[in-house]
Each structure stands twice: as C-alpha cells, then as structure tokens.
Amino acid sequence: MIVETDYLVIGSGVAGLHFALHASEHGRVLIVTKRAPEDGATGWAQGGVSAVLAEDGSDSLEQHVNDTLVVGDGLCNRAVVEACVADGPRDVRTLVDRFGARLERDAHGAFELGREGGHTARRIAHAKDATGREIERALLAAVRARPDRITILSDHLAIDLLSRAKYGGPNACFGAYVWDRSTSEVKTIVARATLLAAGGAGKVYLYTTNPDVATGDGMAMAYRLGAHVANLEFIQFHPTCLFHPYAKSFLVSEALRGEGGVLRLRDGTPFMDHQHPMRSLAPRDIVARAIDGELKRTGDDFVHLDMTHLEASFLRERFPNVFARCLEYGIDLTSQPIPVVPAAHYFCGGVATDSHGRTSVPNLLAAGEVASTGLHGACRLASNSLLEGLVFGRRAADAVRELDWARPPAPEPWTSGAATDSDDAIVVAQNWDEIRRTMWSYVGIVRTDKRLERARRRLKLIREEIREYYWNFKVTADLIELRNLALVADLVIESARRRKESRGLHHNLDHLGHAPGDAVDTILSRESGPLPA
C-alpha cells in the first residue's frame, strides 16, 4: 500500500506536533506514532520549559545563553544556542496564546517561573510539575482540530527510511516503510520531506526515566540511510529517579532542588557542598557522578533528596504529581526524604542537523531529542529540551516549505521475500536484556577504555545474531525496536571510544580532564564509520 503526503512526521512529541501545526499551513502532514500519540517522552517531562520570560529584569538572553554554554562544557554551537534562546520567548508565548497551553501565572498575570540545576535565574515556565503533559495536551488538541490538514496514524512503527539513491541519482529521503501494528501490513509512505521526531534511546540502558517507546528508532534509521550522527557518547543521567521496586523509574523533577531540596547521604549528611558552588543545584552531570561516587563508596543503594525543611502546604501545591506518586509508595515528602538514584534520561547527541533541522541527507530533517543541533553540547541545561522541541520543530517547518520532491517514478512496495513467521522469539528477549545490561555496566555514568572494549566486543556478537534473525523472519514491533536499539548502542560505544578525554557527560577514568584540541564533535556515518548497517 502506497500513501502520499507532503510532509511525513515520525513521532508525536513536542517537536513533531509543533512542526505539524506550522507545516500544515503550506502542506498536508501525516504523523506516524508507535503507540498512542500521548505515549512519548514529552508527556513525562515534569519540570518545565526554559525561556527568558521574567518581566522584572532579573534575567536576560545573555544569561540564558551563558548558562547553556557553561553546562555544555565547551561543545555547544554558540550561534545555535543564541538563535534558540532568542526564539524561545516567542515560541512559549505562542504555545500559550495560540495553542492554549495552561502554564502557571502569578496574581498579576506574569509567568510563574521556577529554577533548576545550572540556571542562574528563574526562567522555567511550568504547569505545576506536569509541564510536558500540558504542552502535549494543548498541541494535540490543536492538531486534532485540523483533520483536513493533519492526519495521525497511531500504532504505526517506521522500519526504514526510503532513499532516492536506490533508484539512481544522489541520496535523498522520500518517505519511509511503516509497519501497521493492527494489521501487520507494511505501508510505503511517500513524502516531499520527512521529519524525524522520534525522541531518544533511553531504553538502551537497564535503568531509565524514559517510556518504553524510547528505542532510538530515528537515530538508527537516519544512520542506515547515510545521515551523519553526532556526539552520541553524551547521555545525560538524571540524578534523581525514585528508588522503589515498584516505581518503574519515576523521575523526581529537578524543580524540587530548584525550590530548595537538598541531597543527603542516608545518615543525613549533605554531600554536594564540596562538589560544586551550586551544591544540590549543580549541573546534572556533576550531580549524577557525585551520587554514583557516593553509592560506590558507601555501598548504599540510594541517596536522599530532602524537602522536609520546606513548608508542607507549599510542597503539596507546587508538586502535586510528585507528592501523590511518592505517597503511593508510602513516602510523604513533606515529612520524609525521598530515596533517589541516577537513571539514563536524555541523549544530547543524535542525528546531526543545522539550525533549521536539516540533516546531511536532502529532504530529511530532525528535531527534538533525536537531533544533535549543537544546542546541548556535552551536557544539556535543565528544561532546554522542551524549548528545543518547540523552536526547532517550528524552524524545520519553515525549512521544508520550498523543498523539491525526490520521489522516484515508481516507488517499490515492501516485500518480505522468503522471511517466515518467528519461531524463536526468545532470541529477541534475550538480546534485548543483554544489550541493556551491557550498556549499564560498561557504558554508564563512569567509563574506562577496558569497559568500552568489552561492550564493543559483546555488541558485535549480538548485532550479528540480530541481523541473521531480521532477514530470516517477518518484522514485529519487538524486532524492529531491537534492531534499532542494538545499532544505537553500538554507535554510543564507538563514539565513546573515540573521545579520549572527559567532557560533560562523558567521564572516562583513563582520560581525565579536557584534551587539548578535542572540543570537537564526534561524527559517525556509514561512509566514514566502521559500523555495518
């Protein structure tokens, strides 16, 4: 089955939805999403969206730029940072005024602004502690109000991107093969431009704050098509994930520390005072490493985030969702410290793009966590992620307006060839578990050359098994995701092996400190890298 549209969007988070709303002004948009549109990482974002919105002169664009650059540890693209920060206030106000997002206001109608790690001013606009959910609600409502211009296909998994090079001529993207979960049919979706907005790959790790859909599909498909990927060694581990056997990696928002929360050892000792001048509000990479180091030193399973010195009524009002969720597990944060541990949270690298989301492959764009724009550098400043999705989703919509078609005369439909139905699904489950445990053990918060080499050897064997399985059996959701997860894991390992220094989120005990001249991006592609597709 061949489906045609002007713009294909793979993913339904903030970047994809914001792109769709703006691109629908000059073309038809088709959004494909792996499960329900609300099931991505956007709805899980608690803290807020950062932008210079203060009306009292307490903040400035220059401050926001500088905070982003400092946390990015020398690897941000300054021009991209300046452009994103400059566009941010307008896009947040448009989100509220045009699309109806309900962000908190004070008695005078000004945005109520919070503060998080690495920020030197209050600039986090929020909807209590469920900002992502509210932004997604507003954008989805606006999308659904335009059925004549925007269509959403739920339960559709993209398998691979379509290349014009297969039909002769230079490489260019003209859509994707997409698997329909309800019918097991593979659709050939042809588009003038394709936007990857598929999010990150947190599920490559055993412990993550990400939803189950975060399996690196966009990064893997882009790499297989020939696009450049950048800086995949920089994975942000959120310092404060709720430690409880039944909590399934519930993120405890950084905004709690922004309002005065203190990190303590289990005996009550604050341990961030000697780690960084901002103490418990230090950038995420520093806090995560400090917690990891304390857990290794003490042998404890968790540290405490203590809010008990703050007014109970304020905590219940400011953090209703965190309060309620903790209470489900018998933790009253107004009177008890919260047990927390780090967990894989956000990919600062991804598909390399310019300041308008354009990748190295014509007619293929990327926005949001799947992309590496140069905004985050070696570590992301808190709450710059929702900002990035808004700004670069809109910018990508501007960039596709004048694109020429790369459609071949007769696109080929998907064929399964001699593939049969799987008779050994345990292979998929076993490989999935091995990848995540290998990455957690050897390619986590603290790395060494020896650990990376062990991970490289193991992933090579696993990917050989997956390749054989992929070509012999018909695709399923688990197989599609496993194939992508394994490739992204391999790309992360190779990126980490190539960076012979410690910078931002990449901390290698064999290469401590910044290496002279190494403030450069790690770029991999099929043409230049050693990895098979």
Protein backbone atom coordinates (compact mmCIF):
# COMPACT_ATOMS: atom_id res chain seq x y z
CA MET A 1 0.00 0.00 0.00
CA ILE A 2 1.40 3.40 -1.04
CA VAL A 3 0.33 6.53 0.87
CA GLU A 4 1.31 10.01 -0.31
CA THR A 5 1.61 13.22 1.70
CA ASP A 6 3.57 16.45 1.61
CA TYR A 7 5.25 16.00 4.99
CA LEU A 8 5.80 12.81 6.96
CA VAL A 9 6.46 13.19 10.71
CA ILE A 10 7.82 10.19 12.62
CA GLY A 11 6.96 10.81 16.26
CA SER A 12 4.25 12.69 18.16
CA GLY A 13 6.09 14.63 20.86
CA VAL A 14 6.53 18.37 21.19
CA ALA A 15 8.88 18.70 18.18
CA GLY A 16 6.73 16.65 15.80
CA LEU A 17 3.44 18.26 16.82
CA HIS A 18 4.82 21.80 16.70
CA PHE A 19 6.28 21.08 13.25
CA ALA A 20 2.97 19.65 12.05
CA LEU A 21 0.97 22.68 13.15
CA HIS A 22 3.27 25.11 11.33
CA ALA A 23 3.90 22.92 8.26
CA SER A 24 0.17 22.34 7.81
CA GLU A 25 -0.08 25.99 6.79
CA HIS A 26 1.58 25.08 3.48
CA GLY A 27 1.07 21.32 3.03
CA ARG A 28 -0.58 18.08 4.17
CA VAL A 29 1.03 16.42 7.17
CA LEU A 30 0.96 12.75 8.14
CA ILE A 31 2.14 11.86 11.67
CA VAL A 32 3.02 8.23 12.44
CA THR A 33 3.48 7.24 16.07
CA LYS A 34 4.44 3.87 17.56
CA ARG A 35 1.61 3.70 20.05
CA ALA A 36 -0.89 6.35 21.15
CA PRO A 37 0.19 9.94 20.42
CA GLU A 38 0.46 10.64 24.17
CA ASP A 39 2.87 7.76 24.87
CA GLY A 40 6.16 9.52 24.13
CA ALA A 41 8.63 11.25 26.42
CA THR A 42 7.08 14.74 26.14
CA GLY A 43 4.23 13.82 28.46
CA TRP A 44 6.74 12.59 31.05
CA ALA A 45 8.55 15.94 31.28
CA GLN A 46 7.86 17.42 34.69
CA GLY A 47 10.00 20.50 35.31
CA GLY A 48 9.10 22.95 32.57
CA VAL A 49 10.30 24.85 29.53
CA SER A 50 13.14 27.34 29.87
CA ALA A 51 12.89 30.79 28.31
CA VAL A 52 13.65 34.37 29.25
CA LEU A 53 10.18 35.47 30.33
CA ALA A 54 10.87 37.45 33.52
CA GLU A 55 9.37 40.93 33.36
CA ASP A 56 11.37 42.41 36.24
CA GLY A 57 14.80 42.44 34.58
CA SER A 58 16.10 39.57 36.72
CA ASP A 59 17.04 37.54 33.63
CA SER A 60 18.41 38.16 30.14
CA LEU A 61 19.04 36.35 26.88
CA GLU A 62 22.77 36.68 27.56
CA GLN A 63 22.39 34.90 30.91
CA HIS A 64 20.43 32.03 29.37
CA VAL A 65 22.99 31.69 26.59
CA ASN A 66 25.85 31.69 29.07
CA ASP A 67 24.23 29.13 31.36
CA THR A 68 23.68 26.83 28.37
CA LEU A 69 27.30 27.24 27.24
CA VAL A 70 28.72 26.62 30.72
CA VAL A 71 26.75 23.41 31.20
CA GLY A 72 27.58 22.32 27.62
CA ASP A 73 31.24 22.27 28.66
CA GLY A 74 32.82 23.79 25.57
CA LEU A 75 30.97 21.81 22.91
CA CYS A 76 27.86 23.90 22.21
CA ASN A 77 27.44 25.69 18.89
CA ARG A 78 27.18 29.27 20.14
CA ALA A 79 25.24 30.51 17.11
CA VAL A 80 22.65 27.76 17.56
CA VAL A 81 22.38 28.48 21.29
CA GLU A 82 21.87 32.18 20.66
CA ALA A 83 19.23 31.53 18.00
CA CYS A 84 17.31 29.06 20.17
CA VAL A 85 17.39 31.28 23.26
CA ALA A 86 16.31 34.31 21.21
CA ASP A 87 13.38 32.40 19.65
CA GLY A 88 12.32 30.79 22.92
CA PRO A 89 10.16 33.52 24.49
CA ARG A 90 8.15 33.94 21.29
CA ASP A 91 7.53 30.20 20.91
CA VAL A 92 6.48 29.79 24.55
CA ARG A 93 4.06 32.70 24.26
CA THR A 94 2.69 31.26 21.01
CA LEU A 95 2.25 27.93 22.76
CA VAL A 96 0.10 29.67 25.36
CA ASP A 97 -1.69 32.34 23.32
CA ARG A 98 -2.32 30.43 20.09
CA PHE A 99 -2.37 26.78 21.13
CA GLY A 100 -3.86 27.11 24.59
CA ALA A 101 -1.22 25.64 26.89
CA ARG A 102 -2.07 26.48 30.50
CA LEU A 103 1.20 27.49 32.18
CA GLU A 104 1.24 28.91 35.69
CA ARG A 105 0.73 32.66 36.16
CA ASP A 106 1.04 34.86 39.22
CA ALA A 107 -1.63 37.22 40.54
CA HIS A 108 -0.55 39.88 38.04
CA GLY A 109 -0.72 37.57 35.01
CA ALA A 110 3.05 37.14 34.63
CA PHE A 111 4.54 33.69 34.15
CA GLU A 112 5.36 31.95 37.42
CA LEU A 113 8.98 30.93 36.88
CA GLY A 114 10.95 28.19 38.60
CA ARG A 115 14.65 27.46 38.73
CA GLU A 116 16.61 24.26 38.08
CA GLY A 117 20.19 22.99 38.07
CA GLY A 118 22.70 25.11 36.15
CA HIS A 119 20.37 28.12 35.82
CA THR A 120 21.45 31.41 37.36
CA ALA A 121 17.95 32.89 37.24
CA ARG A 122 14.32 31.83 37.45
CA ARG A 123 13.27 31.08 33.87
CA ILE A 124 11.37 27.77 33.95
CA ALA A 125 7.76 28.24 32.84
CA HIS A 126 5.71 25.31 34.07
CA ALA A 127 2.33 23.71 34.64
CA LYS A 128 2.88 22.65 38.25
CA ASP A 129 5.07 19.53 37.93
CA ALA A 130 3.42 18.12 34.80
CA THR A 131 4.50 20.61 32.16
CA GLY A 132 5.14 18.12 29.37
CA ARG A 133 1.70 16.61 29.77
CA GLU A 134 0.05 20.03 29.50
CA ILE A 135 2.10 21.06 26.46
CA GLU A 136 1.29 17.78 24.75
CA ARG A 137 -2.42 18.18 25.57
CA ALA A 138 -2.51 21.64 24.02
CA LEU A 139 -0.57 20.72 20.87
CA LEU A 140 -2.54 17.51 20.30
CA ALA A 141 -5.82 19.39 20.66
CA ALA A 142 -4.64 21.91 18.09
CA VAL A 143 -3.53 19.12 15.73
CA ARG A 144 -6.82 17.25 16.09
CA ALA A 145 -8.67 20.46 15.29
CA ARG A 146 -7.12 20.36 11.79
CA PRO A 147 -8.20 16.97 10.36
CA ASP A 148 -8.28 18.46 6.88
CA ARG A 149 -4.53 19.17 7.01
CA ILE A 150 -3.05 16.78 9.61
CA THR A 151 -3.58 13.02 9.97
CA ILE A 152 -2.28 10.88 12.84
CA LEU A 153 -1.65 7.15 12.40
CA SER A 154 -1.30 5.54 15.83
CA ASP A 155 0.27 2.11 16.36
CA HIS A 156 2.50 2.54 13.29
CA LEU A 157 6.24 1.81 13.54
CA ALA A 158 8.68 3.18 10.98
CA ILE A 159 11.01 0.40 9.77
CA ASP A 160 13.36 2.27 7.44
CA LEU A 161 13.61 5.50 5.50
CA LEU A 162 13.27 5.50 1.71
CA SER A 163 16.25 6.61 -0.36
CA ARG A 164 16.19 8.06 -3.88
CA ALA A 165 19.70 6.59 -4.38
CA LYS A 166 18.19 3.12 -4.70
CA TYR A 167 16.54 4.28 -7.95
CA GLY A 168 19.58 6.13 -9.31
CA GLY A 169 20.88 9.59 -8.57
CA PRO A 170 22.09 11.14 -5.30
CA ASN A 171 20.87 10.10 -1.87
CA ALA A 172 17.71 11.87 -0.73
CA CYS A 173 14.84 10.82 1.52
CA PHE A 174 11.33 10.47 0.12
CA GLY A 175 9.46 8.82 3.00
CA ALA A 176 9.52 5.59 4.96
CA TYR A 177 8.35 2.00 5.20
CA VAL A 178 5.92 1.87 8.13
CA TRP A 179 4.54 -1.24 9.87
CA ASP A 180 0.89 -1.17 10.97
CA ARG A 181 0.67 -2.90 14.34
CA SER A 182 -3.04 -3.74 13.94
CA THR A 183 -2.75 -5.48 10.55
CA SER A 184 0.99 -6.31 10.27
CA GLU A 185 0.86 -4.58 6.86
CA VAL A 186 3.88 -2.52 5.79
CA LYS A 187 2.87 0.75 4.15
CA THR A 188 5.07 2.73 1.78
CA ILE A 189 4.61 6.37 2.80
CA VAL A 190 5.93 8.81 0.22
CA ALA A 191 6.57 12.42 1.24
CA ARG A 192 8.24 15.56 -0.05
CA ALA A 193 10.00 15.94 3.30
CA THR A 194 10.38 13.62 6.30
CA LEU A 195 10.88 14.89 9.84
CA LEU A 196 12.38 12.58 12.43
CA ALA A 197 10.86 13.49 15.79
CA ALA A 198 11.15 10.02 17.29
CA GLY A 199 12.80 11.01 20.57
CA GLY A 200 15.75 9.42 22.30
CA ALA A 201 17.05 5.98 23.19
CA GLY A 202 16.92 5.70 26.97
CA LYS A 203 15.79 2.07 26.74
CA VAL A 204 19.32 1.17 25.62
CA TYR A 205 20.08 1.25 29.37
CA LEU A 206 18.79 -1.06 32.08
CA TYR A 207 17.58 1.85 34.24
CA THR A 208 15.98 4.85 32.57
CA THR A 209 13.41 7.56 33.15
CA ASN A 210 12.18 7.13 29.57
CA PRO A 211 8.97 5.50 28.34
CA ASP A 212 9.16 2.10 26.63
CA VAL A 213 8.98 3.69 23.15
CA ALA A 214 12.43 5.34 23.52
CA THR A 215 14.42 2.81 21.48
CA GLY A 216 16.47 5.08 19.22
CA ASP A 217 14.47 4.40 16.05
CA GLY A 218 15.09 7.79 14.45
CA MET A 219 18.84 7.74 15.05
CA ALA A 220 19.17 4.19 13.73
CA MET A 221 17.10 4.79 10.60
CA ALA A 222 18.98 8.00 9.81
CA TYR A 223 22.34 6.27 10.16
CA ARG A 224 21.25 3.40 7.90
CA LEU A 225 20.14 5.95 5.30
CA GLY A 226 23.60 7.56 5.36
CA ALA A 227 22.95 10.61 7.56
CA HIS A 228 25.59 11.83 9.97
CA VAL A 229 25.07 11.25 13.68
CA ALA A 230 26.94 13.31 16.26
CA ASN A 231 28.06 13.17 19.89
CA LEU A 232 26.26 10.00 20.92
CA GLU A 233 28.73 9.50 23.76
CA PHE A 234 26.91 12.22 25.72
CA ILE A 235 23.99 10.60 27.55
CA GLN A 236 22.51 12.51 30.43
CA PHE A 237 21.72 10.50 33.53
CA HIS A 238 19.06 12.24 35.58
CA PRO A 239 20.39 12.40 39.14
CA THR A 240 17.08 11.86 40.92
CA CYS A 241 14.98 8.88 39.92
CA LEU A 242 12.70 7.47 42.64
CA PHE A 243 14.24 4.36 44.18
CA HIS A 244 11.45 1.86 44.79
CA PRO A 245 10.96 -1.70 43.50
CA TYR A 246 7.54 -0.86 42.03
CA ALA A 247 8.07 2.72 40.85
CA LYS A 248 9.39 1.80 37.37
CA SER A 249 11.91 4.63 37.16
CA PHE A 250 9.70 7.54 38.16
CA LEU A 251 11.59 10.81 37.67
CA VAL A 252 11.69 13.17 40.63
CA SER A 253 11.80 16.59 38.99
CA GLU A 254 14.88 18.78 39.25
CA ALA A 255 12.49 21.57 40.15
CA LEU A 256 12.38 20.15 43.69
CA ARG A 257 16.04 21.02 44.08
CA GLY A 258 15.30 24.36 42.41
CA GLU A 259 12.93 25.13 45.27
CA GLY A 260 15.45 24.20 47.96
CA GLY A 261 15.70 20.41 48.03
CA VAL A 262 18.98 19.09 49.49
CA LEU A 263 20.78 15.88 48.53
CA ARG A 264 21.95 13.92 51.55
CA LEU A 265 23.51 10.59 52.37
CA ARG A 266 21.30 8.14 54.21
CA ASP A 267 22.81 9.32 57.52
CA GLY A 268 21.65 12.87 56.73
CA THR A 269 24.99 14.32 55.63
CA PRO A 270 24.73 16.78 52.71
CA PHE A 271 27.37 15.74 50.17
CA MET A 272 27.13 18.28 47.34
CA ASP A 273 28.58 21.19 49.34
CA HIS A 274 32.16 20.23 48.45
CA GLN A 275 31.33 19.12 44.89
CA HIS A 276 30.22 22.38 43.25
CA PRO A 277 29.49 26.01 44.20
CA MET A 278 25.81 25.47 43.30
CA ARG A 279 25.68 22.46 45.65
CA SER A 280 22.48 20.45 45.10
CA LEU A 281 21.61 22.68 42.14
CA ALA A 282 24.80 21.87 40.23
CA PRO A 283 24.52 20.72 36.58
CA ARG A 284 23.17 17.22 36.09
CA ASP A 285 26.41 15.56 35.02
CA ILE A 286 28.16 16.71 38.18
CA VAL A 287 25.29 15.68 40.47
CA ALA A 288 24.88 12.27 38.81
CA ARG A 289 28.60 11.50 39.10
CA ALA A 290 28.63 12.65 42.71
CA ILE A 291 25.72 10.36 43.59
CA ASP A 292 27.29 7.48 41.67
CA GLY A 293 30.55 8.01 43.54
CA GLU A 294 28.84 8.11 46.94
CA LEU A 295 26.89 4.93 46.22
CA LYS A 296 30.08 3.14 45.23
CA ARG A 297 31.91 4.49 48.29
CA THR A 298 29.22 3.68 50.86
CA GLY A 299 27.70 0.58 49.29
CA ASP A 300 24.23 2.11 49.68
CA ASP A 301 21.52 1.61 47.07
CA PHE A 302 20.31 5.22 47.09
CA VAL A 303 20.76 8.71 48.50
CA HIS A 304 18.09 11.04 49.86
CA LEU A 305 16.50 14.16 48.40
CA ASP A 306 15.32 16.08 51.44
CA MET A 307 12.41 18.55 51.20
CA THR A 308 11.25 18.30 54.80
CA HIS A 309 12.61 21.72 55.80
CA LEU A 310 10.16 23.40 53.41
CA GLU A 311 6.54 24.32 54.14
CA ALA A 312 4.27 21.28 53.66
CA SER A 313 1.44 23.27 52.05
CA PHE A 314 3.88 24.76 49.52
CA LEU A 315 5.19 21.32 48.54
CA ARG A 316 1.69 19.89 48.03
CA GLU A 317 0.67 22.90 45.95
CA ARG A 318 3.87 23.22 43.87
CA PHE A 319 4.46 19.50 43.28
CA PRO A 320 1.07 17.77 43.36
CA ASN A 321 2.04 14.93 41.00
CA VAL A 322 5.36 14.10 42.66
CA PHE A 323 3.67 14.33 46.07
CA ALA A 324 0.86 11.98 45.04
CA ARG A 325 3.17 9.50 43.32
CA CYS A 326 5.53 9.31 46.28
CA LEU A 327 2.59 8.85 48.61
CA GLU A 328 1.53 5.82 46.54
CA TYR A 329 4.78 4.18 47.65
CA GLY A 330 4.45 5.20 51.29
CA ILE A 331 6.71 8.28 51.10
CA ASP A 332 5.35 11.59 52.40
CA LEU A 333 7.85 14.08 51.01
CA THR A 334 6.68 16.75 53.46
CA SER A 335 8.00 14.70 56.38
CA GLN A 336 10.30 12.05 54.82
CA PRO A 337 13.31 12.32 52.49
CA ILE A 338 12.85 10.77 49.05
CA PRO A 339 15.16 7.86 48.12
CA VAL A 340 16.71 8.60 44.70
CA VAL A 341 19.27 7.18 42.24
CA PRO A 342 20.52 8.27 38.79
CA ALA A 343 18.98 6.78 35.64
CA ALA A 344 19.54 7.26 31.90
CA HIS A 345 17.46 10.24 30.88
CA TYR A 346 18.40 12.17 27.73
CA PHE A 347 20.59 11.84 24.62
CA CYS A 348 22.44 15.10 23.99
CA GLY A 349 23.72 13.74 20.68
CA GLY A 350 21.71 12.40 17.78
CA VAL A 351 21.19 12.98 14.08
CA ALA A 352 23.39 15.94 13.11
CA THR A 353 21.38 18.93 11.87
CA ASP A 354 21.78 22.60 11.10
CA SER A 355 19.84 25.38 12.84
CA HIS A 356 16.70 24.54 10.84
CA GLY A 357 16.71 20.78 11.41
CA ARG A 358 18.21 19.83 8.05
CA THR A 359 20.36 16.69 8.12
CA SER A 360 23.19 15.68 5.78
CA VAL A 361 20.63 13.82 3.62
CA PRO A 362 18.41 16.06 1.46
CA ASN A 363 14.70 16.15 2.37
CA LEU A 364 15.36 14.50 5.75
CA LEU A 365 15.06 16.68 8.85
CA ALA A 366 15.22 16.00 12.57
CA ALA A 367 14.05 17.89 15.65
CA GLY A 368 13.84 17.24 19.37
CA GLU A 369 15.85 14.67 21.28
CA VAL A 370 16.57 12.63 18.14
CA ALA A 371 18.61 15.54 16.76
CA SER A 372 22.03 16.96 17.54
CA THR A 373 21.70 20.66 16.78
CA GLY A 374 24.65 21.92 18.81
CA LEU A 375 22.36 23.37 21.48
CA HIS A 376 23.32 21.00 24.29
CA GLY A 377 27.00 20.35 23.63
CA ALA A 378 28.43 17.87 26.12
CA CYS A 379 25.60 18.27 28.65
CA ARG A 380 22.05 19.64 28.46
CA LEU A 381 20.91 22.52 30.65
CA ALA A 382 17.75 21.53 32.51
CA SER A 383 14.45 22.30 30.73
CA ASN A 384 16.16 23.22 27.46
CA SER A 385 14.64 20.07 25.94
CA LEU A 386 11.02 21.24 25.61
CA LEU A 387 12.42 24.57 24.42
CA GLU A 388 14.46 22.79 21.74
CA GLY A 389 11.42 20.84 20.53
CA LEU A 390 9.34 23.98 20.16
CA VAL A 391 11.97 26.11 18.47
CA PHE A 392 13.43 23.57 16.06
CA GLY A 393 10.06 21.99 15.25
CA ARG A 394 8.90 25.39 14.00
CA ARG A 395 12.19 26.15 12.28
CA ALA A 396 12.05 22.82 10.42
CA ALA A 397 8.53 23.68 9.23
CA ASP A 398 9.93 26.86 7.73
CA ALA A 399 12.76 24.94 6.05
CA VAL A 400 10.56 22.43 4.19
CA ARG A 401 8.32 24.99 2.53
CA GLU A 402 10.33 25.20 -0.70
CA LEU A 403 11.80 21.69 -0.93
CA ASP A 404 11.69 19.86 -4.25
CA TRP A 405 10.36 16.29 -4.46
CA ALA A 406 12.82 13.40 -4.54
CA ARG A 407 10.12 10.84 -5.35
CA PRO A 408 11.09 8.16 -7.90
CA PRO A 409 8.60 7.40 -10.71
CA ALA A 410 7.55 4.06 -9.22
CA PRO A 411 8.34 3.53 -5.52
CA GLU A 412 8.75 -0.13 -4.64
CA PRO A 413 6.41 -1.62 -2.03
CA TRP A 414 7.77 -3.55 0.93
CA THR A 415 8.46 -7.23 0.36
CA SER A 416 9.21 -9.87 2.98
CA GLY A 417 10.91 -12.15 0.45
CA ALA A 418 11.39 -15.64 1.89
CA ALA A 419 11.03 -14.47 5.51
CA THR A 420 8.76 -16.56 7.72
CA ASP A 421 6.95 -16.00 10.98
CA SER A 422 9.24 -16.15 14.02
CA ASP A 423 9.54 -19.46 15.79
CA ASP A 424 12.12 -18.42 18.37
CA ALA A 425 11.09 -15.11 19.94
CA ILE A 426 13.27 -15.83 22.99
CA VAL A 427 16.24 -14.65 20.90
CA VAL A 428 14.74 -11.14 20.78
CA ALA A 429 14.05 -11.05 24.52
CA GLN A 430 17.50 -12.37 25.41
CA ASN A 431 19.35 -9.91 23.15
CA TRP A 432 17.26 -7.00 24.42
CA ASP A 433 18.20 -7.80 28.02
CA GLU A 434 21.88 -8.36 27.22
CA ILE A 435 22.21 -5.02 25.42
CA ARG A 436 20.71 -3.04 28.29
CA ARG A 437 22.78 -4.77 30.96
CA THR A 438 25.97 -4.42 28.92
CA MET A 439 25.40 -0.71 28.39
CA TRP A 440 24.57 -0.09 32.04
CA SER A 441 27.63 -1.97 33.30
CA TYR A 442 30.24 -0.74 30.81
CA VAL A 443 28.98 2.46 29.14
CA GLY A 444 27.29 4.23 32.03
CA ILE A 445 27.99 7.31 34.14
CA VAL A 446 31.71 6.49 34.58
CA ARG A 447 33.64 4.68 31.83
CA THR A 448 37.07 3.21 31.14
CA ASP A 449 38.76 2.08 27.94
CA LYS A 450 38.60 -1.53 29.14
CA ARG A 451 34.87 -1.37 29.82
CA LEU A 452 34.20 0.19 26.42
CA GLU A 453 36.19 -2.52 24.66
CA ARG A 454 34.25 -5.23 26.48
CA ALA A 455 31.00 -3.59 25.43
CA ARG A 456 32.18 -3.29 21.81
CA ARG A 457 33.02 -6.99 21.56
CA ARG A 458 29.73 -8.06 23.09
CA LEU A 459 27.64 -5.78 20.88
CA LYS A 460 29.37 -7.08 17.77
CA LEU A 461 28.18 -10.62 18.55
CA ILE A 462 24.68 -9.51 19.49
CA ARG A 463 24.24 -7.48 16.30
CA GLU A 464 25.34 -10.44 14.19
CA GLU A 465 22.61 -12.54 15.81
CA ILE A 466 20.04 -9.80 15.27
CA ARG A 467 20.97 -9.32 11.60
CA GLU A 468 20.51 -13.01 10.91
CA TYR A 469 17.21 -13.04 12.75
CA TYR A 470 15.97 -9.86 11.00
CA TRP A 471 16.49 -11.20 7.49
CA ASN A 472 15.05 -14.65 8.21
CA PHE A 473 11.82 -13.67 9.94
CA LYS A 474 8.97 -11.26 9.30
CA VAL A 475 9.13 -7.99 11.19
CA THR A 476 7.41 -7.48 14.53
CA ALA A 477 7.38 -4.49 16.84
CA ASP A 478 9.93 -6.11 19.16
CA LEU A 479 12.26 -7.00 16.30
CA ILE A 480 12.09 -3.52 14.75
CA GLU A 481 12.93 -1.91 18.09
CA LEU A 482 15.65 -4.42 18.97
CA ARG A 483 17.41 -3.86 15.65
CA ASN A 484 17.42 -0.11 16.25
CA LEU A 485 18.41 -0.39 19.90
CA ALA A 486 21.41 -2.57 19.06
CA LEU A 487 22.66 -0.17 16.38
CA VAL A 488 22.34 2.86 18.65
CA ALA A 489 24.18 1.00 21.44
CA ASP A 490 27.00 0.26 19.03
CA LEU A 491 27.12 3.89 17.90
CA VAL A 492 27.27 5.09 21.51
CA ILE A 493 30.14 2.73 22.26
CA GLU A 494 32.10 3.76 19.17
CA SER A 495 31.54 7.46 19.91
CA ALA A 496 32.73 6.98 23.49
CA ARG A 497 35.83 5.05 22.33
CA ARG A 498 36.80 7.88 20.00
CA ARG A 499 36.67 10.62 22.64
CA LYS A 500 39.98 10.41 24.50
CA GLU A 501 39.09 12.90 27.23
CA SER A 502 36.47 13.56 29.89
CA ARG A 503 34.00 16.30 28.99
CA GLY A 504 30.47 16.93 30.19
CA LEU A 505 28.52 13.69 30.36
CA HIS A 506 31.40 11.57 29.04
CA HIS A 507 33.63 10.70 32.01
CA ASN A 508 36.47 8.27 31.28
CA LEU A 509 38.79 7.39 34.17
CA ASP A 510 41.60 6.67 31.68
CA HIS A 511 41.35 10.15 30.13
CA LEU A 512 40.53 12.65 32.87
CA GLY A 513 40.22 16.33 32.01
CA HIS A 514 39.85 18.07 28.67
CA ALA A 515 42.25 17.05 25.94
CA PRO A 516 43.87 19.95 24.04
CA GLY A 517 42.10 20.48 20.75
CA ASP A 518 39.36 17.92 21.47
CA ALA A 519 36.46 20.37 21.77
CA VAL A 520 35.13 18.94 18.51
CA ASP A 521 32.07 16.89 17.63
CA THR A 522 32.24 13.13 17.25
CA ILE A 523 30.70 12.46 13.84
CA LEU A 524 29.83 8.97 12.56
CA SER A 525 28.27 7.93 9.27
CA ARG A 526 28.05 4.80 7.14
CA GLU A 527 30.60 6.27 4.75
CA SER A 528 33.21 7.11 7.37
CA GLY A 529 32.43 4.85 10.34
CA PRO A 530 33.39 1.21 10.94
CA LEU A 531 29.88 0.01 11.78
CA PRO A 532 27.84 -2.13 9.38
CA ALA A 533 24.22 -1.17 8.82
